[in-house]
Amino acid sequence: RKIGLEIRNSRVDADAEPPQACVYFSETLSQGRDVRFEDYLKLDPPAAIAVDRQSDTLCLSGLDNGANYTLSVLEGLPAADGLTLKKTQTLTLRVGDRRPRVAFRGQAFILPSAGADGLPLTTVNLDAVKITIYRINDRNLIHQVNRREIMNAVSGGEADDIADQYGAQVWQGRMAVEYQRNKQVMTVFPLG
């Protein structure tokens, strides 16, 4: 026999944009349109968050990277089957820094042959990047076209294949980028 709704687990995703914490419950939460789950959550320090309910989970978006929060899930939080949280429960949410990351904007790896001044590069928690540019001639692009890889991001193994089999290195070096802790920064990689 069930006594009440229980918290099973919680998880913080510091790399989400914006960072997110999810609380997992033992039962599906109430689907009533009149239930405001925000009213059952108290966050310290306070933050402007959005709350999303999915089945047995509440996710809070809008947390800050590098911050710690105390989340109180208040007594009375309703489940779909009429059970409620019998006692206020407190969780500690530690939102870490985002992992360092670098990516060219978009999914494709084909650069324009002429007419573009630069290529947008996005970074997170980095002050410099090491870049290697390869030229793949038209005949060697057929391999990527046939495998339907032409508009996808390049994986580590595919990058090795390009370096070893299909491409000719045209540039390699380091480029400084603006560092802003936990913020996505866009830098233009010059093509000219």
C-alpha atoms as a PDB file:
ATOM      1  CA  ARG A   1       0.000   0.000   0.000  1.00  0.00           C
ATOM      2  CA  LYS A   2       1.306   3.417  -1.008  1.00  0.00           C
ATOM      3  CA  ILE A   3       1.749   6.022   1.708  1.00  0.00           C
ATOM      4  CA  GLY A   4       2.527   9.078  -0.385  1.00  0.00           C
ATOM      5  CA  LEU A   5       4.482  10.595  -3.189  1.00  0.00           C
ATOM      6  CA  GLU A   6       8.270  10.288  -2.798  1.00  0.00           C
ATOM      7  CA  ILE A   7      11.319  11.887  -4.387  1.00  0.00           C
ATOM      8  CA  ARG A   8      13.394   9.172  -6.062  1.00  0.00           C
ATOM      9  CA  ASN A   9      16.330  11.140  -7.429  1.00  0.00           C
ATOM     10  CA  SER A  10      17.553  14.447  -8.787  1.00  0.00           C
ATOM     11  CA  ARG A  11      19.958  15.397 -11.570  1.00  0.00           C
ATOM     12  CA  VAL A  12      21.617  18.654 -12.607  1.00  0.00           C
ATOM     13  CA  ASP A  13      22.627  19.354 -16.214  1.00  0.00           C
ATOM     14  CA  ALA A  14      25.157  22.200 -16.076  1.00  0.00           C
ATOM     15  CA  ASP A  15      25.715  22.060 -19.852  1.00  0.00           C
ATOM     16  CA  ALA A  16      22.071  22.687 -20.769  1.00  0.00           C
ATOM     17  CA  GLU A  17      21.304  26.152 -22.083  1.00  0.00           C
ATOM     18  CA  PRO A  18      20.176  27.412 -19.591  1.00  0.00           C
ATOM     19  CA  PRO A  19      21.302  25.002 -16.830  1.00  0.00           C
ATOM     20  CA  GLN A  20      18.577  22.677 -15.592  1.00  0.00           C
ATOM     21  CA  ALA A  21      17.829  20.522 -12.560  1.00  0.00           C
ATOM     22  CA  CYS A  22      15.286  17.699 -12.644  1.00  0.00           C
ATOM     23  CA  VAL A  23      13.588  16.010  -9.704  1.00  0.00           C
ATOM     24  CA  TYR A  24      12.243  12.481 -10.239  1.00  0.00           C
ATOM     25  CA  PHE A  25       9.257  11.230  -8.243  1.00  0.00           C
ATOM     26  CA  SER A  26       7.858   7.783  -7.433  1.00  0.00           C
ATOM     27  CA  GLU A  27       4.568   8.438  -9.264  1.00  0.00           C
ATOM     28  CA  THR A  28       3.232  10.386 -12.229  1.00  0.00           C
ATOM     29  CA  LEU A  29       2.552  13.950 -11.143  1.00  0.00           C
ATOM     30  CA  SER A  30      -0.843  15.592 -11.322  1.00  0.00           C
ATOM     31  CA  GLN A  31      -1.848  16.638 -14.803  1.00  0.00           C
ATOM     32  CA  GLY A  32      -4.466  19.108 -13.579  1.00  0.00           C
ATOM     33  CA  ARG A  33      -4.298  22.434 -15.383  1.00  0.00           C
ATOM     34  CA  ASP A  34      -4.993  24.234 -12.120  1.00  0.00           C
ATOM     35  CA  VAL A  35      -1.841  22.847 -10.430  1.00  0.00           C
ATOM     36  CA  ARG A  36       0.999  25.366 -10.305  1.00  0.00           C
ATOM     37  CA  PHE A  37       4.059  23.306  -9.472  1.00  0.00           C
ATOM     38  CA  GLU A  38       6.039  26.514  -8.863  1.00  0.00           C
ATOM     39  CA  ASP A  39       3.922  26.952  -5.721  1.00  0.00           C
ATOM     40  CA  TYR A  40       5.395  23.710  -4.314  1.00  0.00           C
ATOM     41  CA  LEU A  41       9.029  24.676  -4.888  1.00  0.00           C
ATOM     42  CA  LYS A  42      11.158  27.048  -2.836  1.00  0.00           C
ATOM     43  CA  LEU A  43      14.624  27.850  -4.157  1.00  0.00           C
ATOM     44  CA  ASP A  44      17.359  29.471  -2.063  1.00  0.00           C
ATOM     45  CA  PRO A  45      18.889  31.691  -3.260  1.00  0.00           C
ATOM     46  CA  PRO A  46      15.836  32.687  -5.299  1.00  0.00           C
ATOM     47  CA  ALA A  47      16.112  32.539  -9.093  1.00  0.00           C
ATOM     48  CA  ALA A  48      13.768  33.263 -11.987  1.00  0.00           C
ATOM     49  CA  ILE A  49      13.058  29.701 -13.096  1.00  0.00           C
ATOM     50  CA  ALA A  50      10.676  27.944 -15.423  1.00  0.00           C
ATOM     51  CA  VAL A  51       9.173  24.658 -14.236  1.00  0.00           C
ATOM     52  CA  ASP A  52       8.272  21.883 -16.654  1.00  0.00           C
ATOM     53  CA  ARG A  53       6.334  18.727 -15.663  1.00  0.00           C
ATOM     54  CA  GLN A  54       6.839  15.542 -17.663  1.00  0.00           C
ATOM     55  CA  SER A  55       5.150  12.442 -16.245  1.00  0.00           C
ATOM     56  CA  ASP A  56       6.987  11.754 -12.961  1.00  0.00           C
ATOM     57  CA  THR A  57       9.548  14.554 -13.334  1.00  0.00           C
ATOM     58  CA  LEU A  58       9.791  18.266 -12.572  1.00  0.00           C
ATOM     59  CA  CYS A  59      12.563  20.164 -14.350  1.00  0.00           C
ATOM     60  CA  LEU A  60      13.684  23.648 -13.314  1.00  0.00           C
ATOM     61  CA  SER A  61      15.367  25.794 -15.980  1.00  0.00           C
ATOM     62  CA  GLY A  62      17.103  29.098 -15.455  1.00  0.00           C
ATOM     63  CA  LEU A  63      19.674  28.189 -12.826  1.00  0.00           C
ATOM     64  CA  ASP A  64      23.128  29.782 -12.895  1.00  0.00           C
ATOM     65  CA  ASN A  65      26.320  27.873 -13.616  1.00  0.00           C
ATOM     66  CA  GLY A  66      28.747  27.795 -10.715  1.00  0.00           C
ATOM     67  CA  ALA A  67      25.973  28.292  -8.140  1.00  0.00           C
ATOM     68  CA  ASN A  68      24.625  26.098  -5.361  1.00  0.00           C
ATOM     69  CA  TYR A  69      20.944  26.071  -4.465  1.00  0.00           C
ATOM     70  CA  THR A  70      18.790  24.602  -1.754  1.00  0.00           C
ATOM     71  CA  LEU A  71      15.526  23.350  -3.215  1.00  0.00           C
ATOM     72  CA  SER A  72      12.623  22.680  -0.866  1.00  0.00           C
ATOM     73  CA  VAL A  73       9.882  20.553  -2.406  1.00  0.00           C
ATOM     74  CA  LEU A  74       6.874  21.419  -0.279  1.00  0.00           C
ATOM     75  CA  GLU A  75       4.406  19.115   1.408  1.00  0.00           C
ATOM     76  CA  GLY A  76       1.225  18.606  -0.595  1.00  0.00           C
ATOM     77  CA  LEU A  77       2.761  18.340  -4.077  1.00  0.00           C
ATOM     78  CA  PRO A  78       0.112  16.268  -5.906  1.00  0.00           C
ATOM     79  CA  ALA A  79       0.495  13.068  -7.898  1.00  0.00           C
ATOM     80  CA  ALA A  80      -1.963  12.017 -10.607  1.00  0.00           C
ATOM     81  CA  ASP A  81      -3.403   9.204  -8.460  1.00  0.00           C
ATOM     82  CA  GLY A  82      -4.311  11.524  -5.578  1.00  0.00           C
ATOM     83  CA  LEU A  83      -1.217  10.856  -3.465  1.00  0.00           C
ATOM     84  CA  THR A  84       0.723  13.861  -2.209  1.00  0.00           C
ATOM     85  CA  LEU A  85       4.158  14.547  -0.839  1.00  0.00           C
ATOM     86  CA  LYS A  86       3.592  13.993   2.895  1.00  0.00           C
ATOM     87  CA  LYS A  87       6.529  16.037   4.144  1.00  0.00           C
ATOM     88  CA  THR A  88       8.648  18.881   2.769  1.00  0.00           C
ATOM     89  CA  GLN A  89      11.936  17.542   1.415  1.00  0.00           C
ATOM     90  CA  THR A  90      15.106  19.522   0.837  1.00  0.00           C
ATOM     91  CA  LEU A  91      17.665  18.897  -1.891  1.00  0.00           C
ATOM     92  CA  THR A  92      21.035  20.522  -2.556  1.00  0.00           C
ATOM     93  CA  LEU A  93      21.548  21.402  -6.208  1.00  0.00           C
ATOM     94  CA  ARG A  94      25.153  22.032  -7.256  1.00  0.00           C
ATOM     95  CA  VAL A  95      25.290  23.560 -10.726  1.00  0.00           C
ATOM     96  CA  GLY A  96      28.862  23.243 -11.926  1.00  0.00           C
ATOM     97  CA  ASP A  97      30.674  25.109 -14.643  1.00  0.00           C
ATOM     98  CA  ARG A  98      29.936  24.174 -18.238  1.00  0.00           C
ATOM     99  CA  ARG A  99      32.419  21.831 -19.883  1.00  0.00           C
ATOM    100  CA  PRO A 100      34.834  23.523 -22.284  1.00  0.00           C
ATOM    101  CA  ARG A 101      33.489  23.227 -25.822  1.00  0.00           C
ATOM    102  CA  VAL A 102      34.263  24.403 -29.325  1.00  0.00           C
ATOM    103  CA  ALA A 103      32.100  24.057 -32.435  1.00  0.00           C
ATOM    104  CA  PHE A 104      31.628  25.606 -35.812  1.00  0.00           C
ATOM    105  CA  ARG A 105      28.143  27.012 -36.146  1.00  0.00           C
ATOM    106  CA  GLY A 106      25.685  24.724 -37.895  1.00  0.00           C
ATOM    107  CA  GLN A 107      25.990  21.078 -38.826  1.00  0.00           C
ATOM    108  CA  ALA A 108      27.897  21.131 -42.120  1.00  0.00           C
ATOM    109  CA  PHE A 109      31.638  20.911 -42.538  1.00  0.00           C
ATOM    110  CA  ILE A 110      31.878  22.388 -46.042  1.00  0.00           C
ATOM    111  CA  LEU A 111      33.416  25.844 -46.071  1.00  0.00           C
ATOM    112  CA  PRO A 112      32.729  28.350 -48.854  1.00  0.00           C
ATOM    113  CA  SER A 113      35.412  28.489 -51.546  1.00  0.00           C
ATOM    114  CA  ALA A 114      35.140  32.265 -51.951  1.00  0.00           C
ATOM    115  CA  GLY A 115      33.151  35.292 -50.854  1.00  0.00           C
ATOM    116  CA  ALA A 116      33.021  34.666 -47.116  1.00  0.00           C
ATOM    117  CA  ASP A 117      35.161  36.751 -44.765  1.00  0.00           C
ATOM    118  CA  GLY A 118      35.056  34.276 -41.912  1.00  0.00           C
ATOM    119  CA  LEU A 119      33.446  31.304 -40.285  1.00  0.00           C
ATOM    120  CA  PRO A 120      31.590  31.626 -36.960  1.00  0.00           C
ATOM    121  CA  LEU A 121      33.159  29.544 -34.198  1.00  0.00           C
ATOM    122  CA  THR A 122      31.427  29.144 -30.830  1.00  0.00           C
ATOM    123  CA  THR A 123      33.316  28.380 -27.639  1.00  0.00           C
ATOM    124  CA  VAL A 124      32.488  27.880 -23.982  1.00  0.00           C
ATOM    125  CA  ASN A 125      35.032  28.226 -21.150  1.00  0.00           C
ATOM    126  CA  LEU A 126      38.054  28.486 -23.447  1.00  0.00           C
ATOM    127  CA  ASP A 127      40.554  31.270 -24.122  1.00  0.00           C
ATOM    128  CA  ALA A 128      42.202  29.668 -27.168  1.00  0.00           C
ATOM    129  CA  VAL A 129      41.496  26.887 -29.654  1.00  0.00           C
ATOM    130  CA  LYS A 130      43.711  24.666 -31.781  1.00  0.00           C
ATOM    131  CA  ILE A 131      42.367  24.424 -35.322  1.00  0.00           C
ATOM    132  CA  THR A 132      43.375  22.295 -38.273  1.00  0.00           C
ATOM    133  CA  ILE A 133      41.737  22.967 -41.648  1.00  0.00           C
ATOM    134  CA  TYR A 134      41.756  20.328 -44.389  1.00  0.00           C
ATOM    135  CA  ARG A 135      40.830  20.720 -48.036  1.00  0.00           C
ATOM    136  CA  ILE A 136      38.864  17.817 -49.497  1.00  0.00           C
ATOM    137  CA  ASN A 137      38.802  17.788 -53.286  1.00  0.00           C
ATOM    138  CA  ASP A 138      35.569  17.115 -55.152  1.00  0.00           C
ATOM    139  CA  ARG A 139      36.418  13.469 -55.902  1.00  0.00           C
ATOM    140  CA  ASN A 140      37.016  12.699 -52.238  1.00  0.00           C
ATOM    141  CA  LEU A 141      33.734  14.330 -51.209  1.00  0.00           C
ATOM    142  CA  ILE A 142      31.876  11.499 -52.959  1.00  0.00           C
ATOM    143  CA  HIS A 143      32.685   9.238 -49.992  1.00  0.00           C
ATOM    144  CA  GLN A 144      30.876  11.616 -47.593  1.00  0.00           C
ATOM    145  CA  VAL A 145      27.982  12.124 -50.031  1.00  0.00           C
ATOM    146  CA  ASN A 146      27.483   8.362 -50.473  1.00  0.00           C
ATOM    147  CA  ARG A 147      27.496   7.809 -46.712  1.00  0.00           C
ATOM    148  CA  ARG A 148      25.123  10.788 -46.247  1.00  0.00           C
ATOM    149  CA  GLU A 149      27.660  12.476 -43.958  1.00  0.00           C
ATOM    150  CA  ILE A 150      27.997  15.661 -45.947  1.00  0.00           C
ATOM    151  CA  MET A 151      25.661  17.749 -43.763  1.00  0.00           C
ATOM    152  CA  ASN A 152      26.472  16.145 -40.394  1.00  0.00           C
ATOM    153  CA  ALA A 153      28.948  17.124 -37.726  1.00  0.00           C
ATOM    154  CA  VAL A 154      32.287  15.333 -38.005  1.00  0.00           C
ATOM    155  CA  SER A 155      33.045  12.761 -35.300  1.00  0.00           C
ATOM    156  CA  GLY A 156      36.554  12.064 -34.004  1.00  0.00           C
ATOM    157  CA  GLY A 157      36.945   8.973 -36.183  1.00  0.00           C
ATOM    158  CA  GLU A 158      35.685  10.794 -39.285  1.00  0.00           C
ATOM    159  CA  ALA A 159      38.133  13.639 -38.632  1.00  0.00           C
ATOM    160  CA  ASP A 160      40.951  11.079 -38.491  1.00  0.00           C
ATOM    161  CA  ASP A 161      39.761   9.596 -41.815  1.00  0.00           C
ATOM    162  CA  ILE A 162      39.750  13.050 -43.413  1.00  0.00           C
ATOM    163  CA  ALA A 163      43.276  13.714 -42.121  1.00  0.00           C
ATOM    164  CA  ASP A 164      44.621  10.298 -43.170  1.00  0.00           C
ATOM    165  CA  GLN A 165      42.750   9.544 -46.410  1.00  0.00           C
ATOM    166  CA  TYR A 166      40.629  12.284 -47.943  1.00  0.00           C
ATOM    167  CA  GLY A 167      42.003  15.711 -47.105  1.00  0.00           C
ATOM    168  CA  ALA A 168      45.093  17.844 -47.488  1.00  0.00           C
ATOM    169  CA  GLN A 169      46.008  20.039 -44.525  1.00  0.00           C
ATOM    170  CA  VAL A 170      45.946  23.723 -45.504  1.00  0.00           C
ATOM    171  CA  TRP A 171      46.270  25.405 -42.109  1.00  0.00           C
ATOM    172  CA  GLN A 172      46.990  24.530 -38.493  1.00  0.00           C
ATOM    173  CA  GLY A 173      47.443  26.756 -35.496  1.00  0.00           C
ATOM    174  CA  ARG A 174      46.063  28.299 -32.333  1.00  0.00           C
ATOM    175  CA  MET A 175      43.612  31.136 -32.228  1.00  0.00           C
ATOM    176  CA  ALA A 176      42.794  33.251 -29.186  1.00  0.00           C
ATOM    177  CA  VAL A 177      39.105  33.573 -28.332  1.00  0.00           C
ATOM    178  CA  GLU A 178      37.361  35.728 -25.775  1.00  0.00           C
ATOM    179  CA  TYR A 179      36.893  33.936 -22.461  1.00  0.00           C
ATOM    180  CA  GLN A 180      33.630  34.485 -20.596  1.00  0.00           C
ATOM    181  CA  ARG A 181      33.034  32.001 -17.810  1.00  0.00           C
ATOM    182  CA  ASN A 182      30.107  29.697 -18.650  1.00  0.00           C
ATOM    183  CA  LYS A 183      28.972  31.842 -21.570  1.00  0.00           C
ATOM    184  CA  GLN A 184      28.825  30.855 -25.207  1.00  0.00           C
ATOM    185  CA  VAL A 185      31.125  33.180 -27.163  1.00  0.00           C
ATOM    186  CA  MET A 186      31.127  33.598 -30.949  1.00  0.00           C
ATOM    187  CA  THR A 187      34.421  34.362 -32.707  1.00  0.00           C
ATOM    188  CA  VAL A 188      34.941  34.725 -36.440  1.00  0.00           C
ATOM    189  CA  PHE A 189      37.664  32.462 -37.836  1.00  0.00           C
ATOM    190  CA  PRO A 190      39.111  34.442 -40.777  1.00  0.00           C
ATOM    191  CA  LEU A 191      39.054  32.659 -44.134  1.00  0.00           C
ATOM    192  CA  GLY A 192      40.880  35.280 -46.187  1.00  0.00           C
END
